[in-house]
C-alpha atoms as a PDB file:
ATOM      1  CA  MET A   1      -7.031 -24.277  -4.586  1.00  0.00           C
ATOM      2  CA  SER A   2      -4.515 -25.364  -1.716  1.00  0.00           C
ATOM      3  CA  GLU A   3      -3.444 -22.472   0.685  1.00  0.00           C
ATOM      4  CA  MET A   4      -0.043 -24.250   0.707  1.00  0.00           C
ATOM      5  CA  GLN A   5       1.152 -22.846  -2.853  1.00  0.00           C
ATOM      6  CA  ALA A   6       0.917 -19.166  -1.628  1.00  0.00           C
ATOM      7  CA  ASN A   7       4.377 -17.743  -1.639  1.00  0.00           C
ATOM      8  CA  VAL A   8       5.372 -14.391  -0.009  1.00  0.00           C
ATOM      9  CA  THR A   9       8.815 -13.423  -0.571  1.00  0.00           C
ATOM     10  CA  LEU A  10      11.040 -10.558   1.193  1.00  0.00           C
ATOM     11  CA  GLU A  11      14.261  -9.305  -0.874  1.00  0.00           C
ATOM     12  CA  TRP A  12      17.063  -6.989   0.275  1.00  0.00           C
ATOM     13  CA  HIS A  13      18.178  -4.294  -2.271  1.00  0.00           C
ATOM     14  CA  GLY A  14      20.018  -2.260  -0.277  1.00  0.00           C
ATOM     15  CA  PRO A  15      17.913   0.336   1.547  1.00  0.00           C
ATOM     16  CA  ILE A  16      14.638  -1.119  -0.172  1.00  0.00           C
ATOM     17  CA  ALA A  17      12.751  -4.100   0.825  1.00  0.00           C
ATOM     18  CA  LEU A  18      11.056  -5.869  -2.143  1.00  0.00           C
ATOM     19  CA  VAL A  19       8.252  -7.873  -1.163  1.00  0.00           C
ATOM     20  CA  ARG A  20       6.407 -10.254  -3.526  1.00  0.00           C
ATOM     21  CA  PHE A  21       3.158 -12.184  -3.033  1.00  0.00           C
ATOM     22  CA  ALA A  22       1.951 -15.187  -5.360  1.00  0.00           C
ATOM     23  CA  ASN A  23      -0.435 -17.714  -4.989  1.00  0.00           C
ATOM     24  CA  PRO A  24      -1.083 -19.536  -7.834  1.00  0.00           C
ATOM     25  CA  PRO A  25      -2.928 -20.399 -10.178  1.00  0.00           C
ATOM     26  CA  LYS A  26      -5.150 -17.585  -9.274  1.00  0.00           C
ATOM     27  CA  GLY A  27      -3.335 -15.265  -7.170  1.00  0.00           C
ATOM     28  CA  VAL A  28      -5.825 -14.669  -4.480  1.00  0.00           C
ATOM     29  CA  MET A  29      -5.458 -13.702  -0.720  1.00  0.00           C
ATOM     30  CA  THR A  30      -6.238 -16.277   1.648  1.00  0.00           C
ATOM     31  CA  ALA A  31      -6.122 -15.686   5.408  1.00  0.00           C
ATOM     32  CA  LYS A  32      -2.965 -18.045   5.292  1.00  0.00           C
ATOM     33  CA  ALA A  33      -1.202 -16.011   2.590  1.00  0.00           C
ATOM     34  CA  ALA A  34      -2.233 -12.438   4.707  1.00  0.00           C
ATOM     35  CA  ALA A  35      -0.585 -13.900   7.722  1.00  0.00           C
ATOM     36  CA  GLN A  36       2.826 -14.756   5.371  1.00  0.00           C
ATOM     37  CA  LEU A  37       2.140 -10.933   3.963  1.00  0.00           C
ATOM     38  CA  ARG A  38       1.830  -9.259   7.616  1.00  0.00           C
ATOM     39  CA  ASP A  39       5.195 -11.409   8.879  1.00  0.00           C
ATOM     40  CA  ALA A  40       7.080 -10.249   5.687  1.00  0.00           C
ATOM     41  CA  LEU A  41       6.045  -6.581   5.950  1.00  0.00           C
ATOM     42  CA  SER A  42       6.893  -6.280   9.853  1.00  0.00           C
ATOM     43  CA  ASP A  43      10.324  -7.811   8.970  1.00  0.00           C
ATOM     44  CA  ALA A  44      10.744  -5.125   6.578  1.00  0.00           C
ATOM     45  CA  ILE A  45       9.723  -2.493   8.621  1.00  0.00           C
ATOM     46  CA  ALA A  46      11.586  -3.263  11.434  1.00  0.00           C
ATOM     47  CA  ALA A  47      14.427  -3.323   9.547  1.00  0.00           C
ATOM     48  CA  ASP A  48      16.993  -0.554  10.616  1.00  0.00           C
ATOM     49  CA  GLU A  49      18.687  -0.287   6.838  1.00  0.00           C
ATOM     50  CA  VAL A  50      15.467  -0.218   5.301  1.00  0.00           C
ATOM     51  CA  ARG A  51      13.864   3.281   4.337  1.00  0.00           C
ATOM     52  CA  VAL A  52      11.672   2.241   1.273  1.00  0.00           C
ATOM     53  CA  ILE A  53       9.377  -0.682   0.868  1.00  0.00           C
ATOM     54  CA  ILE A  54       7.647  -1.842  -2.738  1.00  0.00           C
ATOM     55  CA  LEU A  55       4.897  -4.732  -2.596  1.00  0.00           C
ATOM     56  CA  THR A  56       4.274  -6.454  -5.936  1.00  0.00           C
ATOM     57  CA  GLY A  57       2.947  -9.589  -7.310  1.00  0.00           C
ATOM     58  CA  GLY A  58       5.336 -12.655  -7.893  1.00  0.00           C
ATOM     59  CA  GLU A  59       3.146 -14.259 -10.585  1.00  0.00           C
ATOM     60  CA  ASP A  60       2.838 -12.658 -13.902  1.00  0.00           C
ATOM     61  CA  GLY A  61       0.014 -10.287 -14.768  1.00  0.00           C
ATOM     62  CA  VAL A  62      -1.246 -10.816 -11.354  1.00  0.00           C
ATOM     63  CA  PHE A  63      -0.712  -8.138  -8.352  1.00  0.00           C
ATOM     64  CA  ILE A  64      -3.578  -9.554  -5.764  1.00  0.00           C
ATOM     65  CA  ARG A  65      -6.337 -11.040  -7.615  1.00  0.00           C
ATOM     66  CA  HIS A  66      -8.575 -10.093  -5.070  1.00  0.00           C
ATOM     67  CA  ALA A  67      -9.695 -12.030  -1.353  1.00  0.00           C
ATOM     68  CA  ASP A  68     -10.234 -15.761  -1.896  1.00  0.00           C
ATOM     69  CA  VAL A  69     -14.144 -16.070  -1.986  1.00  0.00           C
ATOM     70  CA  ALA A  70     -14.339 -19.266  -1.260  1.00  0.00           C
ATOM     71  CA  GLN A  71     -13.138 -18.481   2.373  1.00  0.00           C
ATOM     72  CA  ILE A  72     -15.368 -15.715   2.515  1.00  0.00           C
ATOM     73  CA  ALA A  73     -18.351 -17.888   1.529  1.00  0.00           C
ATOM     74  CA  ARG A  74     -17.502 -20.493   4.425  1.00  0.00           C
ATOM     75  CA  ALA A  75     -17.059 -17.624   7.158  1.00  0.00           C
ATOM     76  CA  GLY A  76     -20.544 -16.936   6.187  1.00  0.00           C
ATOM     77  CA  ASP A  77     -21.796 -19.969   6.824  1.00  0.00           C
ATOM     78  CA  HIS A  78     -19.968 -20.212  10.248  1.00  0.00           C
ATOM     79  CA  LEU A  79     -21.293 -16.737  11.181  1.00  0.00           C
ATOM     80  CA  ALA A  80     -24.844 -18.103  10.198  1.00  0.00           C
ATOM     81  CA  ARG A  81     -24.393 -21.060  12.725  1.00  0.00           C
ATOM     82  CA  GLY A  82     -23.193 -18.822  15.213  1.00  0.00           C
ATOM     83  CA  GLU A  83     -19.895 -20.369  15.571  1.00  0.00           C
ATOM     84  CA  VAL A  84     -17.998 -17.380  14.886  1.00  0.00           C
ATOM     85  CA  GLN A  85     -19.282 -13.407  15.545  1.00  0.00           C
ATOM     86  CA  PRO A  86     -18.667 -10.687  13.228  1.00  0.00           C
ATOM     87  CA  GLU A  87     -16.066  -8.786  15.492  1.00  0.00           C
ATOM     88  CA  ARG A  88     -13.682 -11.823  14.204  1.00  0.00           C
ATOM     89  CA  PHE A  89     -13.187  -9.954  11.013  1.00  0.00           C
ATOM     90  CA  ALA A  90     -11.574  -6.907  12.781  1.00  0.00           C
ATOM     91  CA  ASP A  91      -8.849  -9.186  13.892  1.00  0.00           C
ATOM     92  CA  SER A  92      -7.910 -11.129  10.763  1.00  0.00           C
ATOM     93  CA  PRO A  93      -4.704 -11.144   9.193  1.00  0.00           C
ATOM     94  CA  PHE A  94      -5.745  -9.360   6.086  1.00  0.00           C
ATOM     95  CA  ASN A  95      -6.903  -6.549   8.348  1.00  0.00           C
ATOM     96  CA  ALA A  96      -3.869  -6.249   9.981  1.00  0.00           C
ATOM     97  CA  VAL A  97      -1.831  -6.526   6.853  1.00  0.00           C
ATOM     98  CA  ALA A  98      -3.987  -3.268   5.932  1.00  0.00           C
ATOM     99  CA  ALA A  99      -3.162  -1.458   9.224  1.00  0.00           C
ATOM    100  CA  LEU A 100       0.062  -2.189   9.079  1.00  0.00           C
ATOM    101  CA  LEU A 101       0.464  -0.784   5.499  1.00  0.00           C
ATOM    102  CA  GLU A 102      -1.353   2.092   6.214  1.00  0.00           C
ATOM    103  CA  ALA A 103       0.622   2.784   9.583  1.00  0.00           C
ATOM    104  CA  SER A 104       4.143   2.240   8.396  1.00  0.00           C
ATOM    105  CA  PRO A 105       6.507   4.835   9.369  1.00  0.00           C
ATOM    106  CA  LYS A 106       8.643   4.100   5.907  1.00  0.00           C
ATOM    107  CA  PRO A 107       7.012   4.583   2.382  1.00  0.00           C
ATOM    108  CA  VAL A 108       5.437   1.372   0.763  1.00  0.00           C
ATOM    109  CA  ILE A 109       4.729   1.172  -3.153  1.00  0.00           C
ATOM    110  CA  ALA A 110       2.697  -0.527  -4.642  1.00  0.00           C
ATOM    111  CA  ALA A 111       3.955  -2.016  -7.836  1.00  0.00           C
ATOM    112  CA  ILE A 112       0.903  -2.792  -9.683  1.00  0.00           C
ATOM    113  CA  ASN A 113       1.895  -5.892 -12.159  1.00  0.00           C
ATOM    114  CA  GLY A 114      -1.308  -6.874 -13.081  1.00  0.00           C
ATOM    115  CA  ILE A 115      -4.461  -7.779 -11.936  1.00  0.00           C
ATOM    116  CA  CYS A 116      -5.693  -5.668  -8.995  1.00  0.00           C
ATOM    117  CA  MET A 117      -9.045  -6.116  -7.682  1.00  0.00           C
ATOM    118  CA  GLY A 118     -11.528  -6.322  -4.399  1.00  0.00           C
ATOM    119  CA  GLY A 119      -8.902  -7.288  -1.419  1.00  0.00           C
ATOM    120  CA  GLY A 120      -5.852  -6.471  -3.704  1.00  0.00           C
ATOM    121  CA  LEU A 121      -6.757  -2.919  -4.479  1.00  0.00           C
ATOM    122  CA  GLU A 122      -7.449  -2.405  -1.032  1.00  0.00           C
ATOM    123  CA  LEU A 123      -4.084  -3.667  -0.049  1.00  0.00           C
ATOM    124  CA  ALA A 124      -2.955  -1.321  -2.468  1.00  0.00           C
ATOM    125  CA  LEU A 125      -4.738   1.853  -1.147  1.00  0.00           C
ATOM    126  CA  ALA A 126      -3.364   1.182   1.873  1.00  0.00           C
ATOM    127  CA  CYS A 127       0.370   1.732   0.356  1.00  0.00           C
ATOM    128  CA  THR A 128       1.838   5.421   0.412  1.00  0.00           C
ATOM    129  CA  LEU A 129       1.521   5.238  -3.195  1.00  0.00           C
ATOM    130  CA  ARG A 130       0.770   3.049  -6.389  1.00  0.00           C
ATOM    131  CA  VAL A 131       2.593   2.609  -9.225  1.00  0.00           C
ATOM    132  CA  ALA A 132       0.830   0.231 -12.093  1.00  0.00           C
ATOM    133  CA  SER A 133       2.699  -1.417 -15.552  1.00  0.00           C
ATOM    134  CA  SER A 134       1.031   0.337 -18.635  1.00  0.00           C
ATOM    135  CA  ASP A 135      -0.869  -3.004 -19.687  1.00  0.00           C
ATOM    136  CA  VAL A 136      -2.920  -3.915 -16.514  1.00  0.00           C
ATOM    137  CA  ALA A 137      -6.657  -4.444 -17.375  1.00  0.00           C
ATOM    138  CA  ALA A 138      -8.632  -4.703 -14.290  1.00  0.00           C
ATOM    139  CA  ILE A 139      -8.213  -2.351 -10.934  1.00  0.00           C
ATOM    140  CA  GLY A 140     -10.727  -1.562  -8.954  1.00  0.00           C
ATOM    141  CA  LEU A 141     -13.250  -3.027  -6.335  1.00  0.00           C
ATOM    142  CA  PRO A 142     -15.860  -5.357  -8.084  1.00  0.00           C
ATOM    143  CA  GLU A 143     -17.164  -7.269  -4.927  1.00  0.00           C
ATOM    144  CA  ILE A 144     -21.109  -5.788  -5.698  1.00  0.00           C
ATOM    145  CA  ARG A 145     -20.833  -8.071  -8.751  1.00  0.00           C
ATOM    146  CA  ILE A 146     -21.249 -10.897  -5.753  1.00  0.00           C
ATOM    147  CA  ASP A 147     -23.200  -9.388  -3.571  1.00  0.00           C
ATOM    148  CA  ILE A 148     -20.975  -8.085  -1.059  1.00  0.00           C
ATOM    149  CA  PHE A 149     -18.802  -4.783  -0.563  1.00  0.00           C
ATOM    150  CA  PRO A 150     -15.372  -4.122   0.216  1.00  0.00           C
ATOM    151  CA  GLY A 151     -14.574  -5.078   3.593  1.00  0.00           C
ATOM    152  CA  ALA A 152     -11.366  -4.247   5.036  1.00  0.00           C
ATOM    153  CA  ASN A 153     -12.118  -0.006   4.480  1.00  0.00           C
ATOM    154  CA  GLY A 154     -11.304   0.080   0.615  1.00  0.00           C
ATOM    155  CA  LEU A 155     -14.165   2.206   0.466  1.00  0.00           C
ATOM    156  CA  ALA A 156     -13.200   4.809   2.992  1.00  0.00           C
ATOM    157  CA  ARG A 157      -9.362   4.216   1.722  1.00  0.00           C
ATOM    158  CA  LEU A 158     -10.607   5.248  -1.939  1.00  0.00           C
ATOM    159  CA  ALA A 159     -12.561   7.900  -0.948  1.00  0.00           C
ATOM    160  CA  GLY A 160      -9.796   9.407   0.933  1.00  0.00           C
ATOM    161  CA  ILE A 161      -7.925   9.513  -2.715  1.00  0.00           C
ATOM    162  CA  ILE A 162     -10.817  10.504  -5.033  1.00  0.00           C
ATOM    163  CA  GLY A 163     -13.310  11.646  -2.940  1.00  0.00           C
ATOM    164  CA  TRP A 164     -16.532  10.255  -1.492  1.00  0.00           C
ATOM    165  CA  HIS A 165     -19.054  10.294  -4.529  1.00  0.00           C
ATOM    166  CA  LYS A 166     -16.455   9.119  -7.169  1.00  0.00           C
ATOM    167  CA  ALA A 167     -15.798   5.828  -4.810  1.00  0.00           C
ATOM    168  CA  ARG A 168     -19.020   5.293  -4.120  1.00  0.00           C
ATOM    169  CA  LEU A 169     -20.213   5.212  -7.592  1.00  0.00           C
ATOM    170  CA  MET A 170     -17.431   3.222  -8.306  1.00  0.00           C
ATOM    171  CA  THR A 171     -17.894   0.695  -5.744  1.00  0.00           C
ATOM    172  CA  LEU A 172     -21.943   0.565  -6.098  1.00  0.00           C
ATOM    173  CA  ARG A 173     -21.281  -0.505  -9.971  1.00  0.00           C
ATOM    174  CA  GLY A 174     -18.170  -2.453  -9.279  1.00  0.00           C
ATOM    175  CA  SER A 175     -16.430  -0.267 -11.872  1.00  0.00           C
ATOM    176  CA  LEU A 176     -13.090  -1.960 -13.408  1.00  0.00           C
ATOM    177  CA  LEU A 177     -10.382   0.552 -15.095  1.00  0.00           C
ATOM    178  CA  ASP A 178      -7.607  -0.307 -16.570  1.00  0.00           C
ATOM    179  CA  ALA A 179      -3.976   1.179 -15.702  1.00  0.00           C
ATOM    180  CA  ARG A 180      -4.414   4.182 -17.582  1.00  0.00           C
ATOM    181  CA  ALA A 181      -8.050   5.337 -16.484  1.00  0.00           C
ATOM    182  CA  ALA A 182      -6.848   4.506 -13.005  1.00  0.00           C
ATOM    183  CA  ARG A 183      -4.543   6.859 -13.407  1.00  0.00           C
ATOM    184  CA  ASP A 184      -6.648   9.461 -14.962  1.00  0.00           C
ATOM    185  CA  ALA A 185      -8.787   8.671 -11.743  1.00  0.00           C
ATOM    186  CA  GLY A 186      -6.379   9.464  -9.306  1.00  0.00           C
ATOM    187  CA  ILE A 187      -6.072   5.943  -8.012  1.00  0.00           C
ATOM    188  CA  VAL A 188      -3.212   4.694  -9.499  1.00  0.00           C
ATOM    189  CA  ASP A 189      -0.057   7.768  -9.090  1.00  0.00           C
ATOM    190  CA  GLU A 190       2.108   6.483 -12.152  1.00  0.00           C
ATOM    191  CA  ILE A 191       2.078   4.471 -14.954  1.00  0.00           C
ATOM    192  CA  VAL A 192       4.968   3.018 -16.641  1.00  0.00           C
ATOM    193  CA  PRO A 193       6.071  -0.014 -18.736  1.00  0.00           C
ATOM    194  CA  ILE A 194       7.020  -1.653 -16.027  1.00  0.00           C
ATOM    195  CA  ALA A 195       5.547  -1.800 -12.507  1.00  0.00           C
ATOM    196  CA  LEU A 196       8.562  -2.779 -10.388  1.00  0.00           C
ATOM    197  CA  ASP A 197      11.270  -0.674 -12.536  1.00  0.00           C
ATOM    198  CA  GLY A 198       9.063   2.267 -12.193  1.00  0.00           C
ATOM    199  CA  ALA A 199       8.711   1.593  -8.133  1.00  0.00           C
ATOM    200  CA  MET A 200      12.423   1.121  -7.863  1.00  0.00           C
ATOM    201  CA  GLU A 201      13.408   4.265  -9.270  1.00  0.00           C
ATOM    202  CA  ILE A 202      10.318   6.161  -6.874  1.00  0.00           C
ATOM    203  CA  ALA A 203      12.088   4.195  -3.911  1.00  0.00           C
ATOM    204  CA  LEU A 204      15.653   5.180  -4.665  1.00  0.00           C
ATOM    205  CA  GLU A 205      14.559   8.592  -4.921  1.00  0.00           C
ATOM    206  CA  LEU A 206      12.892   8.543  -1.572  1.00  0.00           C
ATOM    207  CA  ALA A 207      15.986   6.221  -0.053  1.00  0.00           C
ATOM    208  CA  GLY A 208      18.166   8.990  -0.442  1.00  0.00           C
ATOM    209  CA  ARG A 209      16.368  12.021   1.379  1.00  0.00           C
ATOM    210  CA  ALA A 210      16.546  12.527   5.167  1.00  0.00           C
ATOM    211  CA  PRO A 211      15.149   9.549   6.810  1.00  0.00           C
ATOM    212  CA  ALA A 212      13.688  11.879  10.075  1.00  0.00           C
ATOM    213  CA  ALA A 213      12.102  14.018   7.803  1.00  0.00           C
ATOM    214  CA  ILE A 214      10.563  10.959   5.831  1.00  0.00           C
ATOM    215  CA  ARG A 215       9.424   9.452   8.996  1.00  0.00           C
ATOM    216  CA  THR A 216       7.540  12.742  10.140  1.00  0.00           C
ATOM    217  CA  ILE A 217       5.735  13.155   7.026  1.00  0.00           C
ATOM    218  CA  MET A 218       4.794   9.516   7.134  1.00  0.00           C
ATOM    219  CA  ARG A 219       3.422  10.116  11.019  1.00  0.00           C
ATOM    220  CA  LEU A 220       1.572  13.303  10.231  1.00  0.00           C
ATOM    221  CA  SER A 221       0.061  11.722   7.425  1.00  0.00           C
ATOM    222  CA  VAL A 222      -1.628   9.162   9.352  1.00  0.00           C
ATOM    223  CA  ASP A 223      -2.245  10.956  12.673  1.00  0.00           C
ATOM    224  CA  ARG A 224      -3.900  14.181  10.784  1.00  0.00           C
ATOM    225  CA  PRO A 225      -2.599  16.564  13.197  1.00  0.00           C
ATOM    226  CA  SER A 226      -3.788  19.855  14.636  1.00  0.00           C
ATOM    227  CA  MET A 227      -1.579  22.931  12.930  1.00  0.00           C
ATOM    228  CA  ALA A 228       0.100  22.894  16.924  1.00  0.00           C
ATOM    229  CA  ASP A 229       1.255  19.208  16.756  1.00  0.00           C
ATOM    230  CA  VAL A 230       2.996  19.791  13.236  1.00  0.00           C
ATOM    231  CA  SER A 231       4.857  22.759  14.618  1.00  0.00           C
ATOM    232  CA  MET A 232       5.690  21.137  17.275  1.00  0.00           C
ATOM    233  CA  ALA A 233       7.069  18.226  15.037  1.00  0.00           C
ATOM    234  CA  PHE A 234       8.838  20.378  12.946  1.00  0.00           C
ATOM    235  CA  GLY A 235      10.617  22.157  15.853  1.00  0.00           C
ATOM    236  CA  SER A 236      11.678  18.652  17.109  1.00  0.00           C
ATOM    237  CA  LEU A 237      13.168  17.768  13.893  1.00  0.00           C
ATOM    238  CA  LEU A 238      15.385  20.954  13.644  1.00  0.00           C
ATOM    239  CA  LYS A 239      16.247  20.206  17.355  1.00  0.00           C
ATOM    240  CA  GLU A 240      17.396  16.512  17.216  1.00  0.00           C
ATOM    241  CA  GLU A 241      18.807  16.353  13.667  1.00  0.00           C
ATOM    242  CA  PRO A 242      22.128  18.075  13.086  1.00  0.00           C
ATOM    243  CA  ALA A 243      22.908  16.483   9.383  1.00  0.00           C
ATOM    244  CA  ILE A 244      19.749  18.464   8.501  1.00  0.00           C
ATOM    245  CA  ARG A 245      20.296  21.718  10.025  1.00  0.00           C
ATOM    246  CA  ALA A 246      23.992  21.128   8.378  1.00  0.00           C
ATOM    247  CA  ARG A 247      22.309  20.947   5.246  1.00  0.00           C
ATOM    248  CA  LEU A 248      20.117  24.203   5.654  1.00  0.00           C
ATOM    249  CA  HIS A 249      23.020  26.103   6.401  1.00  0.00           C
ATOM    250  CA  ARG A 250      24.587  24.887   3.428  1.00  0.00           C
ATOM    251  CA  PHE A 251      21.678  26.027   1.280  1.00  0.00           C
ATOM    252  CA  VAL A 252      22.270  29.785   2.595  1.00  0.00           C
ATOM    253  CA  ALA A 253      25.825  29.584   2.523  1.00  0.00           C
ATOM    254  CA  ASP A 254      26.031  28.462  -1.294  1.00  0.00           C
ATOM    255  CA  ASN A 255      23.300  30.616  -2.350  1.00  0.00           C
ATOM    256  CA  GLU A 256      21.295  27.404  -3.615  1.00  0.00           C
ATOM    257  CA  GLN A 257      17.510  27.825  -5.623  1.00  0.00           C
ATOM    258  CA  LEU A 258      15.439  25.063  -4.113  1.00  0.00           C
ATOM    259  CA  ASP A 259      13.643  24.626  -7.868  1.00  0.00           C
ATOM    260  CA  GLN A 260      17.492  23.481  -9.335  1.00  0.00           C
ATOM    261  CA  ILE A 261      18.220  20.645  -6.178  1.00  0.00           C
ATOM    262  CA  PRO A 262      16.886  17.254  -7.463  1.00  0.00           C
END
């Protein structure tokens, strides 16, 4: 399969950036395609007007099938001949995409519109949340079926969501789940008839929230700070954001109830 077929597009929808990945006919992630995806995501993160990013597949029925096994096999040959060292994998474009997603200061929603296995799920797990179409039939980390394991920290990311025991068993057995089972397991946050529609609805909700508060939540969730650090961040938010202070005063003055605010 030619890498020239890979196609990553970046669309602007007001405060929402939509990134589509396609690599027909199989929808696998190559190194070149990962570099394209990294660049598109970097542009979306850097755009001041963007508040939320959606990542989805550009082919019907495929989010990202998995990493390109042919490239992995060739890399194994190069390693065996001593032409490259294992350390090279840490700097791969694929790992760069996963790290970029995980550290994004803006929420990234994975709209899983189809098959999402191996490297595809590893990238989805690096996103802030996951929405899947109800008809998706294959979500998982089945690398053990071809004698390897998730190579971009997918096991740890999965464990952070469903716990180490369940993540280990799922990876050891190469389990594949449909959308409903993935939702029940906690891997997918919501299932809807059309993933992109559901993701767009959530994105619009998040885009309407205070950007400074969203940024702080995103940063704290990545840094896993101490209680003192969280308290300092809370104080800084109140000090530096007059719009937030005004909103709090309006809440008190109007005798609002938090549970009645959309």
